[in-house]
Amino acid sequence: MTKKEKMELLLAKVAEEQKAAFVAELREAKSKDEWREVVKKYGIRLSEEEKEAFNAQSNEVSDEDLDAASGGCCVSCSCTDS
């Protein structure tokens, strides 16, 4: 599971009106424990399979991954082409 896929999975579990705040708090999280607390705060429950996928690699998600998963522009999209 890629970092972008992980972020999309989490965002799918957050209410639409909470997504901006959720992403902002994830950006501010400085450790895996803080990151987990944000996920817990928003009531996100992961299946055992999802937990394993998250633990298989780093839980850190870049700002670019957060933007792309939350509907922002991504580096590879055509909107950046002139």
PDB file of N, CA and C in Angstrom:
ATOM      1  N   MET A   1       0.853  -1.174   0.000  1.00  0.00           N
ATOM      2  CA  MET A   1       0.000   0.000   0.000  1.00  0.00           C
ATOM      3  C   MET A   1       0.897   1.234   0.000  1.00  0.00           C
ATOM      4  N   THR A   2       0.682   2.121  -0.954  1.00  0.00           N
ATOM      5  CA  THR A   2       1.498   3.332  -1.033  1.00  0.00           C
ATOM      6  C   THR A   2       1.040   4.336   0.020  1.00  0.00           C
ATOM      7  N   LYS A   3       1.859   5.338   0.267  1.00  0.00           N
ATOM      8  CA  LYS A   3       1.483   6.364   1.235  1.00  0.00           C
ATOM      9  C   LYS A   3       0.223   7.089   0.795  1.00  0.00           C
ATOM     10  N   LYS A   4       0.104   7.339  -0.512  1.00  0.00           N
ATOM     11  CA  LYS A   4      -1.098   8.011  -1.015  1.00  0.00           C
ATOM     12  C   LYS A   4      -2.327   7.138  -0.786  1.00  0.00           C
ATOM     13  N   GLU A   5      -2.213   5.853  -1.033  1.00  0.00           N
ATOM     14  CA  GLU A   5      -3.334   4.938  -0.811  1.00  0.00           C
ATOM     15  C   GLU A   5      -3.718   4.908   0.669  1.00  0.00           C
ATOM     16  N   LYS A   6      -2.718   4.953   1.544  1.00  0.00           N
ATOM     17  CA  LYS A   6      -2.990   4.987   2.975  1.00  0.00           C
ATOM     18  C   LYS A   6      -3.785   6.232   3.347  1.00  0.00           C
ATOM     19  N   MET A   7      -3.359   7.380   2.795  1.00  0.00           N
ATOM     20  CA  MET A   7      -4.044   8.625   3.107  1.00  0.00           C
ATOM     21  C   MET A   7      -5.462   8.608   2.562  1.00  0.00           C
ATOM     22  N   GLU A   8      -5.645   8.089   1.363  1.00  0.00           N
ATOM     23  CA  GLU A   8      -6.989   8.003   0.787  1.00  0.00           C
ATOM     24  C   GLU A   8      -7.892   7.113   1.638  1.00  0.00           C
ATOM     25  N   LEU A   9      -7.346   6.029   2.157  1.00  0.00           N
ATOM     26  CA  LEU A   9      -8.101   5.139   3.023  1.00  0.00           C
ATOM     27  C   LEU A   9      -8.564   5.878   4.277  1.00  0.00           C
ATOM     28  N   LEU A  10      -7.654   6.612   4.898  1.00  0.00           N
ATOM     29  CA  LEU A  10      -8.012   7.355   6.103  1.00  0.00           C
ATOM     30  C   LEU A  10      -9.051   8.421   5.806  1.00  0.00           C
ATOM     31  N   LEU A  11      -8.848   9.172   4.723  1.00  0.00           N
ATOM     32  CA  LEU A  11      -9.779  10.240   4.392  1.00  0.00           C
ATOM     33  C   LEU A  11     -11.180   9.705   4.094  1.00  0.00           C
ATOM     34  N   ALA A  12     -11.256   8.511   3.550  1.00  0.00           N
ATOM     35  CA  ALA A  12     -12.551   7.911   3.262  1.00  0.00           C
ATOM     36  C   ALA A  12     -13.320   7.613   4.546  1.00  0.00           C
ATOM     37  N   LYS A  13     -12.613   7.529   5.654  1.00  0.00           N
ATOM     38  CA  LYS A  13     -13.233   7.204   6.938  1.00  0.00           C
ATOM     39  C   LYS A  13     -13.535   8.438   7.778  1.00  0.00           C
ATOM     40  N   VAL A  14     -13.211   9.626   7.256  1.00  0.00           N
ATOM     41  CA  VAL A  14     -13.427  10.877   7.980  1.00  0.00           C
ATOM     42  C   VAL A  14     -14.604  11.602   7.326  1.00  0.00           C
ATOM     43  N   ALA A  15     -15.471  12.163   8.133  1.00  0.00           N
ATOM     44  CA  ALA A  15     -16.612  12.911   7.616  1.00  0.00           C
ATOM     45  C   ALA A  15     -16.114  14.073   6.750  1.00  0.00           C
ATOM     46  N   GLU A  16     -16.835  14.354   5.682  1.00  0.00           N
ATOM     47  CA  GLU A  16     -16.434  15.376   4.707  1.00  0.00           C
ATOM     48  C   GLU A  16     -16.087  16.711   5.373  1.00  0.00           C
ATOM     49  N   GLU A  17     -16.901  17.155   6.312  1.00  0.00           N
ATOM     50  CA  GLU A  17     -16.676  18.461   6.941  1.00  0.00           C
ATOM     51  C   GLU A  17     -15.473  18.467   7.893  1.00  0.00           C
ATOM     52  N   GLN A  18     -14.922  17.300   8.191  1.00  0.00           N
ATOM     53  CA  GLN A  18     -13.773  17.215   9.094  1.00  0.00           C
ATOM     54  C   GLN A  18     -12.452  16.995   8.359  1.00  0.00           C
ATOM     55  N   LYS A  19     -12.490  16.774   7.058  1.00  0.00           N
ATOM     56  CA  LYS A  19     -11.282  16.400   6.324  1.00  0.00           C
ATOM     57  C   LYS A  19     -10.179  17.449   6.394  1.00  0.00           C
ATOM     58  N   ALA A  20     -10.515  18.718   6.243  1.00  0.00           N
ATOM     59  CA  ALA A  20      -9.495  19.770   6.273  1.00  0.00           C
ATOM     60  C   ALA A  20      -8.795  19.810   7.632  1.00  0.00           C
ATOM     61  N   ALA A  21      -9.573  19.723   8.707  1.00  0.00           N
ATOM     62  CA  ALA A  21      -8.991  19.746  10.055  1.00  0.00           C
ATOM     63  C   ALA A  21      -8.144  18.499  10.289  1.00  0.00           C
ATOM     64  N   PHE A  22      -8.623  17.357   9.824  1.00  0.00           N
ATOM     65  CA  PHE A  22      -7.899  16.098   9.972  1.00  0.00           C
ATOM     66  C   PHE A  22      -6.534  16.179   9.290  1.00  0.00           C
ATOM     67  N   VAL A  23      -6.513  16.648   8.038  1.00  0.00           N
ATOM     68  CA  VAL A  23      -5.261  16.764   7.295  1.00  0.00           C
ATOM     69  C   VAL A  23      -4.323  17.753   7.983  1.00  0.00           C
ATOM     70  N   ALA A  24      -4.859  18.871   8.463  1.00  0.00           N
ATOM     71  CA  ALA A  24      -4.037  19.865   9.155  1.00  0.00           C
ATOM     72  C   ALA A  24      -3.395  19.274  10.405  1.00  0.00           C
ATOM     73  N   GLU A  25      -4.159  18.503  11.168  1.00  0.00           N
ATOM     74  CA  GLU A  25      -3.610  17.896  12.380  1.00  0.00           C
ATOM     75  C   GLU A  25      -2.565  16.829  12.054  1.00  0.00           C
ATOM     76  N   LEU A  26      -2.784  16.077  10.984  1.00  0.00           N
ATOM     77  CA  LEU A  26      -1.772  15.091  10.586  1.00  0.00           C
ATOM     78  C   LEU A  26      -0.468  15.781  10.219  1.00  0.00           C
ATOM     79  N   ARG A  27      -0.558  16.917   9.557  1.00  0.00           N
ATOM     80  CA  ARG A  27       0.651  17.667   9.176  1.00  0.00           C
ATOM     81  C   ARG A  27       1.424  18.143  10.397  1.00  0.00           C
ATOM     82  N   GLU A  28       0.705  18.456  11.466  1.00  0.00           N
ATOM     83  CA  GLU A  28       1.343  18.961  12.680  1.00  0.00           C
ATOM     84  C   GLU A  28       1.913  17.849  13.560  1.00  0.00           C
ATOM     85  N   ALA A  29       1.467  16.629  13.357  1.00  0.00           N
ATOM     86  CA  ALA A  29       1.946  15.506  14.169  1.00  0.00           C
ATOM     87  C   ALA A  29       3.440  15.309  13.951  1.00  0.00           C
ATOM     88  N   LYS A  30       4.179  15.242  15.035  1.00  0.00           N
ATOM     89  CA  LYS A  30       5.634  15.161  14.949  1.00  0.00           C
ATOM     90  C   LYS A  30       6.178  13.757  15.191  1.00  0.00           C
ATOM     91  N   SER A  31       5.319  12.843  15.592  1.00  0.00           N
ATOM     92  CA  SER A  31       5.773  11.482  15.861  1.00  0.00           C
ATOM     93  C   SER A  31       4.675  10.499  15.468  1.00  0.00           C
ATOM     94  N   LYS A  32       5.048   9.233  15.422  1.00  0.00           N
ATOM     95  CA  LYS A  32       4.056   8.200  15.113  1.00  0.00           C
ATOM     96  C   LYS A  32       2.963   8.171  16.175  1.00  0.00           C
ATOM     97  N   ASP A  33       3.344   8.395  17.444  1.00  0.00           N
ATOM     98  CA  ASP A  33       2.345   8.396  18.512  1.00  0.00           C
ATOM     99  C   ASP A  33       1.349   9.542  18.334  1.00  0.00           C
ATOM    100  N   GLU A  34       1.834  10.728  17.973  1.00  0.00           N
ATOM    101  CA  GLU A  34       0.942  11.860  17.738  1.00  0.00           C
ATOM    102  C   GLU A  34       0.053  11.580  16.534  1.00  0.00           C
ATOM    103  N   TRP A  35       0.624  10.965  15.508  1.00  0.00           N
ATOM    104  CA  TRP A  35      -0.115  10.623  14.300  1.00  0.00           C
ATOM    105  C   TRP A  35      -1.254   9.667  14.652  1.00  0.00           C
ATOM    106  N   ARG A  36      -0.950   8.657  15.463  1.00  0.00           N
ATOM    107  CA  ARG A  36      -1.964   7.689  15.880  1.00  0.00           C
ATOM    108  C   ARG A  36      -3.058   8.349  16.716  1.00  0.00           C
ATOM    109  N   GLU A  37      -2.688   9.311  17.552  1.00  0.00           N
ATOM    110  CA  GLU A  37      -3.670  10.013  18.367  1.00  0.00           C
ATOM    111  C   GLU A  37      -4.644  10.806  17.500  1.00  0.00           C
ATOM    112  N   VAL A  38      -4.146  11.412  16.428  1.00  0.00           N
ATOM    113  CA  VAL A  38      -5.021  12.153  15.515  1.00  0.00           C
ATOM    114  C   VAL A  38      -6.010  11.189  14.867  1.00  0.00           C
ATOM    115  N   VAL A  39      -5.503  10.055  14.399  1.00  0.00           N
ATOM    116  CA  VAL A  39      -6.369   9.057  13.771  1.00  0.00           C
ATOM    117  C   VAL A  39      -7.435   8.591  14.768  1.00  0.00           C
ATOM    118  N   LYS A  40      -7.019   8.355  15.999  1.00  0.00           N
ATOM    119  CA  LYS A  40      -7.946   7.915  17.045  1.00  0.00           C
ATOM    120  C   LYS A  40      -8.973   9.003  17.362  1.00  0.00           C
ATOM    121  N   LYS A  41      -8.530  10.246  17.435  1.00  0.00           N
ATOM    122  CA  LYS A  41      -9.408  11.377  17.742  1.00  0.00           C
ATOM    123  C   LYS A  41     -10.568  11.472  16.761  1.00  0.00           C
ATOM    124  N   TYR A  42     -10.299  11.173  15.509  1.00  0.00           N
ATOM    125  CA  TYR A  42     -11.340  11.267  14.486  1.00  0.00           C
ATOM    126  C   TYR A  42     -12.156   9.983  14.353  1.00  0.00           C
ATOM    127  N   GLY A  43     -11.953   9.067  15.280  1.00  0.00           N
ATOM    128  CA  GLY A  43     -12.763   7.862  15.338  1.00  0.00           C
ATOM    129  C   GLY A  43     -12.526   6.891  14.203  1.00  0.00           C
ATOM    130  N   ILE A  44     -11.342   6.936  13.629  1.00  0.00           N
ATOM    131  CA  ILE A  44     -11.036   6.051  12.512  1.00  0.00           C
ATOM    132  C   ILE A  44     -10.673   4.681  13.060  1.00  0.00           C
ATOM    133  N   ARG A  45     -11.374   3.692  12.570  1.00  0.00           N
ATOM    134  CA  ARG A  45     -11.108   2.310  12.954  1.00  0.00           C
ATOM    135  C   ARG A  45     -10.584   1.581  11.736  1.00  0.00           C
ATOM    136  N   LEU A  46      -9.456   0.946  11.898  1.00  0.00           N
ATOM    137  CA  LEU A  46      -8.834   0.205  10.814  1.00  0.00           C
ATOM    138  C   LEU A  46      -9.000  -1.292  11.046  1.00  0.00           C
ATOM    139  N   SER A  47      -9.216  -2.014   9.966  1.00  0.00           N
ATOM    140  CA  SER A  47      -9.275  -3.469  10.061  1.00  0.00           C
ATOM    141  C   SER A  47      -7.867  -3.978  10.378  1.00  0.00           C
ATOM    142  N   GLU A  48      -7.758  -5.228  10.763  1.00  0.00           N
ATOM    143  CA  GLU A  48      -6.436  -5.804  11.040  1.00  0.00           C
ATOM    144  C   GLU A  48      -5.545  -5.731   9.803  1.00  0.00           C
ATOM    145  N   GLU A  49      -6.124  -5.977   8.646  1.00  0.00           N
ATOM    146  CA  GLU A  49      -5.363  -5.915   7.396  1.00  0.00           C
ATOM    147  C   GLU A  49      -4.854  -4.497   7.135  1.00  0.00           C
ATOM    148  N   GLU A  50      -5.709  -3.497   7.381  1.00  0.00           N
ATOM    149  CA  GLU A  50      -5.301  -2.098   7.190  1.00  0.00           C
ATOM    150  C   GLU A  50      -4.204  -1.720   8.183  1.00  0.00           C
ATOM    151  N   LYS A  51      -4.335  -2.176   9.429  1.00  0.00           N
ATOM    152  CA  LYS A  51      -3.302  -1.892  10.432  1.00  0.00           C
ATOM    153  C   LYS A  51      -1.957  -2.485  10.013  1.00  0.00           C
ATOM    154  N   GLU A  52      -1.986  -3.706   9.518  1.00  0.00           N
ATOM    155  CA  GLU A  52      -0.748  -4.349   9.064  1.00  0.00           C
ATOM    156  C   GLU A  52      -0.118  -3.577   7.919  1.00  0.00           C
ATOM    157  N   ALA A  53      -0.951  -3.097   6.996  1.00  0.00           N
ATOM    158  CA  ALA A  53      -0.435  -2.329   5.859  1.00  0.00           C
ATOM    159  C   ALA A  53       0.208  -1.035   6.337  1.00  0.00           C
ATOM    160  N   PHE A  54      -0.402  -0.376   7.310  1.00  0.00           N
ATOM    161  CA  PHE A  54       0.174   0.861   7.836  1.00  0.00           C
ATOM    162  C   PHE A  54       1.465   0.597   8.594  1.00  0.00           C
ATOM    163  N   ASN A  55       1.523  -0.489   9.336  1.00  0.00           N
ATOM    164  CA  ASN A  55       2.710  -0.792  10.127  1.00  0.00           C
ATOM    165  C   ASN A  55       3.850  -1.369   9.302  1.00  0.00           C
ATOM    166  N   ALA A  56       3.549  -1.822   8.097  1.00  0.00           N
ATOM    167  CA  ALA A  56       4.579  -2.420   7.241  1.00  0.00           C
ATOM    168  C   ALA A  56       5.609  -1.394   6.796  1.00  0.00           C
ATOM    169  N   GLN A  57       5.213  -0.139   6.716  1.00  0.00           N
ATOM    170  CA  GLN A  57       6.111   0.927   6.297  1.00  0.00           C
ATOM    171  C   GLN A  57       5.938   2.095   7.251  1.00  0.00           C
ATOM    172  N   SER A  58       6.644   3.156   6.977  1.00  0.00           N
ATOM    173  CA  SER A  58       6.554   4.351   7.799  1.00  0.00           C
ATOM    174  C   SER A  58       5.146   4.919   7.768  1.00  0.00           C
ATOM    175  N   ASN A  59       4.670   5.435   8.890  1.00  0.00           N
ATOM    176  CA  ASN A  59       3.362   6.078   8.948  1.00  0.00           C
ATOM    177  C   ASN A  59       3.414   7.518   8.479  1.00  0.00           C
ATOM    178  N   GLU A  60       4.602   8.030   8.222  1.00  0.00           N
ATOM    179  CA  GLU A  60       4.712   9.409   7.806  1.00  0.00           C
ATOM    180  C   GLU A  60       4.201   9.565   6.382  1.00  0.00           C
ATOM    181  N   VAL A  61       3.397  10.593   6.185  1.00  0.00           N
ATOM    182  CA  VAL A  61       2.867  10.905   4.868  1.00  0.00           C
ATOM    183  C   VAL A  61       3.319  12.320   4.540  1.00  0.00           C
ATOM    184  N   SER A  62       3.844  12.505   3.338  1.00  0.00           N
ATOM    185  CA  SER A  62       4.351  13.816   2.958  1.00  0.00           C
ATOM    186  C   SER A  62       3.202  14.793   2.717  1.00  0.00           C
ATOM    187  N   ASP A  63       3.514  16.090   2.729  1.00  0.00           N
ATOM    188  CA  ASP A  63       2.514  17.105   2.422  1.00  0.00           C
ATOM    189  C   ASP A  63       1.949  16.890   1.028  1.00  0.00           C
ATOM    190  N   GLU A  64       2.801  16.479   0.089  1.00  0.00           N
ATOM    191  CA  GLU A  64       2.339  16.226  -1.276  1.00  0.00           C
ATOM    192  C   GLU A  64       1.339  15.079  -1.304  1.00  0.00           C
ATOM    193  N   ASP A  65       1.599  14.011  -0.541  1.00  0.00           N
ATOM    194  CA  ASP A  65       0.665  12.890  -0.471  1.00  0.00           C
ATOM    195  C   ASP A  65      -0.654  13.324   0.163  1.00  0.00           C
ATOM    196  N   LEU A  66      -0.573  14.147   1.220  1.00  0.00           N
ATOM    197  CA  LEU A  66      -1.781  14.640   1.868  1.00  0.00           C
ATOM    198  C   LEU A  66      -2.604  15.482   0.892  1.00  0.00           C
ATOM    199  N   ASP A  67      -1.929  16.377   0.163  1.00  0.00           N
ATOM    200  CA  ASP A  67      -2.631  17.228  -0.789  1.00  0.00           C
ATOM    201  C   ASP A  67      -3.288  16.402  -1.885  1.00  0.00           C
ATOM    202  N   ALA A  68      -2.555  15.457  -2.427  1.00  0.00           N
ATOM    203  CA  ALA A  68      -3.084  14.642  -3.523  1.00  0.00           C
ATOM    204  C   ALA A  68      -4.272  13.811  -3.061  1.00  0.00           C
ATOM    205  N   ALA A  69      -4.181  13.242  -1.878  1.00  0.00           N
ATOM    206  CA  ALA A  69      -5.259  12.388  -1.384  1.00  0.00           C
ATOM    207  C   ALA A  69      -6.480  13.193  -0.957  1.00  0.00           C
ATOM    208  N   SER A  70      -6.269  14.429  -0.521  1.00  0.00           N
ATOM    209  CA  SER A  70      -7.394  15.235  -0.043  1.00  0.00           C
ATOM    210  C   SER A  70      -7.982  16.113  -1.131  1.00  0.00           C
ATOM    211  N   GLY A  71      -7.572  15.892  -2.377  1.00  0.00           N
ATOM    212  CA  GLY A  71      -8.174  16.621  -3.485  1.00  0.00           C
ATOM    213  C   GLY A  71      -7.351  17.794  -3.964  1.00  0.00           C
ATOM    214  N   GLY A  72      -6.176  17.979  -3.403  1.00  0.00           N
ATOM    215  CA  GLY A  72      -5.299  19.045  -3.871  1.00  0.00           C
ATOM    216  C   GLY A  72      -4.589  18.610  -5.133  1.00  0.00           C
ATOM    217  N   CYS A  73      -3.815  19.475  -5.651  1.00  0.00           N
ATOM    218  CA  CYS A  73      -3.096  19.185  -6.889  1.00  0.00           C
ATOM    219  C   CYS A  73      -1.897  18.298  -6.596  1.00  0.00           C
ATOM    220  N   CYS A  74      -1.611  17.424  -7.526  1.00  0.00           N
ATOM    221  CA  CYS A  74      -0.431  16.578  -7.381  1.00  0.00           C
ATOM    222  C   CYS A  74       0.620  16.994  -8.395  1.00  0.00           C
ATOM    223  N   VAL A  75       1.835  16.653  -8.157  1.00  0.00           N
ATOM    224  CA  VAL A  75       2.947  17.070  -8.994  1.00  0.00           C
ATOM    225  C   VAL A  75       2.799  16.543 -10.421  1.00  0.00           C
ATOM    226  N   SER A  76       2.251  15.352 -10.598  1.00  0.00           N
ATOM    227  CA  SER A  76       2.214  14.754 -11.923  1.00  0.00           C
ATOM    228  C   SER A  76       0.955  15.074 -12.732  1.00  0.00           C
ATOM    229  N   CYS A  77       0.055  15.885 -12.199  1.00  0.00           N
ATOM    230  CA  CYS A  77      -1.172  16.125 -12.941  1.00  0.00           C
ATOM    231  C   CYS A  77      -0.970  17.149 -14.044  1.00  0.00           C
ATOM    232  N   SER A  78      -1.925  17.222 -14.938  1.00  0.00           N
ATOM    233  CA  SER A  78      -1.792  18.084 -16.110  1.00  0.00           C
ATOM    234  C   SER A  78      -2.013  19.559 -15.789  1.00  0.00           C
ATOM    235  N   CYS A  79      -2.532  19.883 -14.618  1.00  0.00           N
ATOM    236  CA  CYS A  79      -2.786  21.295 -14.322  1.00  0.00           C
ATOM    237  C   CYS A  79      -1.491  22.077 -14.123  1.00  0.00           C
ATOM    238  N   THR A  80      -0.363  21.390 -13.925  1.00  0.00           N
ATOM    239  CA  THR A  80       0.900  22.094 -13.770  1.00  0.00           C
ATOM    240  C   THR A  80       1.602  22.284 -15.095  1.00  0.00           C
ATOM    241  N   ASP A  81       1.071  21.669 -16.169  1.00  0.00           N
ATOM    242  CA  ASP A  81       1.675  21.829 -17.488  1.00  0.00           C
ATOM    243  C   ASP A  81       1.255  23.160 -18.084  1.00  0.00           C
ATOM    244  N   SER A  82       2.199  23.821 -18.741  1.00  0.00           N
ATOM    245  CA  SER A  82       1.883  25.125 -19.353  1.00  0.00           C
ATOM    246  C   SER A  82       1.570  24.981 -20.804  1.00  0.00           C
TER     247      SER A  82
END
